[in-house]
Amino acid sequence: MTSVAYETSQTIQIVTLVDITENGNKEQLSNLNTVHQVLQLRSQPFFDKRIQTFPADITTFHFGSKFKGEHNVWILQFNIDQPEVYKLDNDPIGLLKQDFDAIPVNVTLEETALFKDQCFKTSDTEHCNIVFKLIT
């Protein structure tokens, strides 16, 4: 992967409990492709880092209240060159959260968390399984 730097670029981080392994099996790649497609609804993201996956105490990630303790997490970081492309009202990544909510995924892979539904959840305070953070 090559690093692309833009004067007005922003870096956004996605942390999820859903398996989005890059070099995984068909279902894992399907989840990653879903993430890429949702991101591309509004922007052309640039990925200059590999997805990280590791077990972590998820307390600091602000997932839904049903998820506690240590779980496998997947972290994807990307850049966009249109700073306000995901802005909704006063939330600079509000549209990103809205776009991902209730998008179907495969959830019987390497996840350690148990999900109520087979989809990304962003607005459910109990079952949120994907969070977003504006880095720069």
C-alpha atoms as a PDB file:
ATOM      1  CA  MET A   1       0.000   0.000   0.000  1.00  0.00           C
ATOM      2  CA  THR A   2       1.215   3.452  -0.777  1.00  0.00           C
ATOM      3  CA  SER A   3       0.736   6.416   1.463  1.00  0.00           C
ATOM      4  CA  VAL A   4      -1.197   9.301  -0.029  1.00  0.00           C
ATOM      5  CA  ALA A   5      -0.981  12.694   1.628  1.00  0.00           C
ATOM      6  CA  TYR A   6      -3.361  15.525   0.867  1.00  0.00           C
ATOM      7  CA  GLU A   7      -3.290  19.013   2.259  1.00  0.00           C
ATOM      8  CA  THR A   8      -6.898  18.806   3.439  1.00  0.00           C
ATOM      9  CA  SER A   9      -7.066  15.110   4.224  1.00  0.00           C
ATOM     10  CA  GLN A  10      -8.662  13.709   7.349  1.00  0.00           C
ATOM     11  CA  THR A  11      -7.893  10.411   9.002  1.00  0.00           C
ATOM     12  CA  ILE A  12     -10.743   8.333  10.342  1.00  0.00           C
ATOM     13  CA  GLN A  13     -10.486   5.169  12.398  1.00  0.00           C
ATOM     14  CA  ILE A  14     -13.064   2.391  12.467  1.00  0.00           C
ATOM     15  CA  VAL A  15     -13.021  -0.083  15.347  1.00  0.00           C
ATOM     16  CA  THR A  16     -15.372  -3.042  15.140  1.00  0.00           C
ATOM     17  CA  LEU A  17     -16.169  -6.313  16.859  1.00  0.00           C
ATOM     18  CA  VAL A  18     -17.119  -7.760  13.448  1.00  0.00           C
ATOM     19  CA  ASP A  19     -14.430  -9.771  11.650  1.00  0.00           C
ATOM     20  CA  ILE A  20     -13.152  -7.745   8.668  1.00  0.00           C
ATOM     21  CA  THR A  21      -9.898  -9.680   8.169  1.00  0.00           C
ATOM     22  CA  GLU A  22      -8.067  -8.577   4.995  1.00  0.00           C
ATOM     23  CA  ASN A  23      -6.550 -11.871   3.968  1.00  0.00           C
ATOM     24  CA  GLY A  24      -9.249 -14.109   5.304  1.00  0.00           C
ATOM     25  CA  ASN A  25     -11.820 -16.473   3.931  1.00  0.00           C
ATOM     26  CA  LYS A  26     -14.723 -15.575   1.645  1.00  0.00           C
ATOM     27  CA  GLU A  27     -17.006 -14.410   4.467  1.00  0.00           C
ATOM     28  CA  GLN A  28     -14.320 -12.263   6.099  1.00  0.00           C
ATOM     29  CA  LEU A  29     -13.516 -10.645   2.754  1.00  0.00           C
ATOM     30  CA  SER A  30     -17.222 -10.110   2.192  1.00  0.00           C
ATOM     31  CA  ASN A  31     -17.400  -8.121   5.435  1.00  0.00           C
ATOM     32  CA  LEU A  32     -14.368  -6.041   4.441  1.00  0.00           C
ATOM     33  CA  ASN A  33     -15.837  -5.419   0.982  1.00  0.00           C
ATOM     34  CA  THR A  34     -19.047  -4.261   2.654  1.00  0.00           C
ATOM     35  CA  VAL A  35     -17.063  -1.766   4.736  1.00  0.00           C
ATOM     36  CA  HIS A  36     -15.289  -0.453   1.635  1.00  0.00           C
ATOM     37  CA  GLN A  37     -18.554  -0.124  -0.296  1.00  0.00           C
ATOM     38  CA  VAL A  38     -20.278   1.802   2.491  1.00  0.00           C
ATOM     39  CA  LEU A  39     -17.294   4.147   2.782  1.00  0.00           C
ATOM     40  CA  GLN A  40     -17.373   4.719  -0.965  1.00  0.00           C
ATOM     41  CA  LEU A  41     -20.986   5.874  -0.932  1.00  0.00           C
ATOM     42  CA  ARG A  42     -19.776   9.389  -0.099  1.00  0.00           C
ATOM     43  CA  SER A  43     -16.014   9.468  -0.623  1.00  0.00           C
ATOM     44  CA  GLN A  44     -12.988   7.838  -2.159  1.00  0.00           C
ATOM     45  CA  PRO A  45     -11.109   6.579   0.916  1.00  0.00           C
ATOM     46  CA  PHE A  46      -7.361   6.015   0.868  1.00  0.00           C
ATOM     47  CA  PHE A  47      -6.042   3.106   2.915  1.00  0.00           C
ATOM     48  CA  ASP A  48      -2.378   3.372   3.834  1.00  0.00           C
ATOM     49  CA  LYS A  49      -2.300   0.998   6.805  1.00  0.00           C
ATOM     50  CA  ARG A  50      -3.171  -2.648   7.176  1.00  0.00           C
ATOM     51  CA  ILE A  51      -6.097  -3.680   9.336  1.00  0.00           C
ATOM     52  CA  GLN A  52      -5.034  -4.466  12.868  1.00  0.00           C
ATOM     53  CA  THR A  53      -6.716  -7.220  14.833  1.00  0.00           C
ATOM     54  CA  PHE A  54      -6.082  -8.226  18.411  1.00  0.00           C
ATOM     55  CA  PRO A  55      -7.871  -9.123  21.642  1.00  0.00           C
ATOM     56  CA  ALA A  56      -8.456  -6.042  23.785  1.00  0.00           C
ATOM     57  CA  ASP A  57     -10.304  -4.808  26.824  1.00  0.00           C
ATOM     58  CA  ILE A  58     -13.055  -3.008  24.926  1.00  0.00           C
ATOM     59  CA  THR A  59     -14.016  -0.591  27.710  1.00  0.00           C
ATOM     60  CA  THR A  60     -12.204   2.329  26.073  1.00  0.00           C
ATOM     61  CA  PHE A  61     -13.749   1.800  22.637  1.00  0.00           C
ATOM     62  CA  HIS A  62     -17.338   2.775  23.630  1.00  0.00           C
ATOM     63  CA  PHE A  63     -19.153  -0.192  22.117  1.00  0.00           C
ATOM     64  CA  GLY A  64     -22.679  -1.046  23.240  1.00  0.00           C
ATOM     65  CA  SER A  65     -23.294  -1.729  26.924  1.00  0.00           C
ATOM     66  CA  LYS A  66     -23.921  -5.450  26.235  1.00  0.00           C
ATOM     67  CA  PHE A  67     -20.250  -5.898  25.311  1.00  0.00           C
ATOM     68  CA  LYS A  68     -17.847  -6.114  28.239  1.00  0.00           C
ATOM     69  CA  GLY A  69     -14.388  -7.482  28.943  1.00  0.00           C
ATOM     70  CA  GLU A  70     -11.902  -8.684  26.400  1.00  0.00           C
ATOM     71  CA  HIS A  71     -12.919  -9.297  22.782  1.00  0.00           C
ATOM     72  CA  ASN A  72     -11.287  -9.455  19.371  1.00  0.00           C
ATOM     73  CA  VAL A  73     -11.306  -6.055  17.685  1.00  0.00           C
ATOM     74  CA  TRP A  74     -10.516  -5.003  14.137  1.00  0.00           C
ATOM     75  CA  ILE A  75      -9.141  -1.524  13.460  1.00  0.00           C
ATOM     76  CA  LEU A  76      -9.220   0.055  10.026  1.00  0.00           C
ATOM     77  CA  GLN A  77      -7.803   3.505   9.410  1.00  0.00           C
ATOM     78  CA  PHE A  78      -8.295   5.529   6.237  1.00  0.00           C
ATOM     79  CA  ASN A  79      -7.946   9.020   4.834  1.00  0.00           C
ATOM     80  CA  ILE A  80     -10.374  11.160   2.889  1.00  0.00           C
ATOM     81  CA  ASP A  81      -9.594  14.345   1.002  1.00  0.00           C
ATOM     82  CA  GLN A  82     -13.004  15.995   1.486  1.00  0.00           C
ATOM     83  CA  PRO A  83     -13.046  17.036   5.156  1.00  0.00           C
ATOM     84  CA  GLU A  84     -16.799  17.451   5.585  1.00  0.00           C
ATOM     85  CA  VAL A  85     -18.039  14.595   3.412  1.00  0.00           C
ATOM     86  CA  TYR A  86     -19.372  12.647   6.442  1.00  0.00           C
ATOM     87  CA  LYS A  87     -20.591  15.677   8.416  1.00  0.00           C
ATOM     88  CA  LEU A  88     -24.140  15.589   9.792  1.00  0.00           C
ATOM     89  CA  ASP A  89     -25.242  18.596  11.834  1.00  0.00           C
ATOM     90  CA  ASN A  90     -22.434  19.153  14.383  1.00  0.00           C
ATOM     91  CA  ASP A  91     -20.979  15.639  14.100  1.00  0.00           C
ATOM     92  CA  PRO A  92     -18.074  15.530  11.591  1.00  0.00           C
ATOM     93  CA  ILE A  93     -18.621  11.774  11.050  1.00  0.00           C
ATOM     94  CA  GLY A  94     -22.385  11.603  11.639  1.00  0.00           C
ATOM     95  CA  LEU A  95     -23.207  10.452   8.101  1.00  0.00           C
ATOM     96  CA  LEU A  96     -20.652   7.663   8.425  1.00  0.00           C
ATOM     97  CA  LYS A  97     -22.429   6.390  11.527  1.00  0.00           C
ATOM     98  CA  GLN A  98     -25.776   6.687   9.771  1.00  0.00           C
ATOM     99  CA  ASP A  99     -24.559   4.893   6.631  1.00  0.00           C
ATOM    100  CA  PHE A 100     -23.231   1.878   8.562  1.00  0.00           C
ATOM    101  CA  ASP A 101     -26.246   1.355  10.816  1.00  0.00           C
ATOM    102  CA  ALA A 102     -28.080  -1.937  10.085  1.00  0.00           C
ATOM    103  CA  ILE A 103     -25.797  -2.992   7.190  1.00  0.00           C
ATOM    104  CA  PRO A 104     -25.798  -6.835   7.051  1.00  0.00           C
ATOM    105  CA  VAL A 105     -22.570  -8.748   7.775  1.00  0.00           C
ATOM    106  CA  ASN A 106     -21.412 -12.287   8.482  1.00  0.00           C
ATOM    107  CA  VAL A 107     -20.940 -12.682  12.242  1.00  0.00           C
ATOM    108  CA  THR A 108     -19.940 -16.300  12.754  1.00  0.00           C
ATOM    109  CA  LEU A 109     -16.239 -15.920  12.016  1.00  0.00           C
ATOM    110  CA  GLU A 110     -13.425 -14.991  14.435  1.00  0.00           C
ATOM    111  CA  GLU A 111     -15.582 -12.698  16.568  1.00  0.00           C
ATOM    112  CA  THR A 112     -15.582 -13.308  20.286  1.00  0.00           C
ATOM    113  CA  ALA A 113     -18.591 -11.062  20.934  1.00  0.00           C
ATOM    114  CA  LEU A 114     -22.099 -12.417  20.460  1.00  0.00           C
ATOM    115  CA  PHE A 115     -24.402 -10.266  18.353  1.00  0.00           C
ATOM    116  CA  LYS A 116     -28.154  -9.831  18.574  1.00  0.00           C
ATOM    117  CA  ASP A 117     -28.447  -9.296  14.797  1.00  0.00           C
ATOM    118  CA  GLN A 118     -26.210 -10.020  11.835  1.00  0.00           C
ATOM    119  CA  CYS A 119     -25.498  -6.403  11.004  1.00  0.00           C
ATOM    120  CA  PHE A 120     -23.410  -3.422  11.974  1.00  0.00           C
ATOM    121  CA  LYS A 121     -25.035  -1.454  14.780  1.00  0.00           C
ATOM    122  CA  THR A 122     -24.095   2.178  15.317  1.00  0.00           C
ATOM    123  CA  SER A 123     -27.128   3.745  16.979  1.00  0.00           C
ATOM    124  CA  ASP A 124     -28.124   0.969  19.408  1.00  0.00           C
ATOM    125  CA  THR A 125     -26.593   1.920  22.766  1.00  0.00           C
ATOM    126  CA  GLU A 126     -26.717  -1.700  23.953  1.00  0.00           C
ATOM    127  CA  HIS A 127     -25.574  -3.513  20.818  1.00  0.00           C
ATOM    128  CA  CYS A 128     -23.272  -1.026  19.039  1.00  0.00           C
ATOM    129  CA  ASN A 129     -20.530  -3.130  17.428  1.00  0.00           C
ATOM    130  CA  ILE A 130     -18.715  -0.547  15.314  1.00  0.00           C
ATOM    131  CA  VAL A 131     -17.366   2.842  16.356  1.00  0.00           C
ATOM    132  CA  PHE A 132     -15.731   5.674  14.463  1.00  0.00           C
ATOM    133  CA  LYS A 133     -13.145   8.218  15.489  1.00  0.00           C
ATOM    134  CA  LEU A 134     -11.912  11.281  13.655  1.00  0.00           C
ATOM    135  CA  ILE A 135      -8.136  11.241  14.122  1.00  0.00           C
ATOM    136  CA  THR A 136      -7.183  14.459  12.266  1.00  0.00           C
END
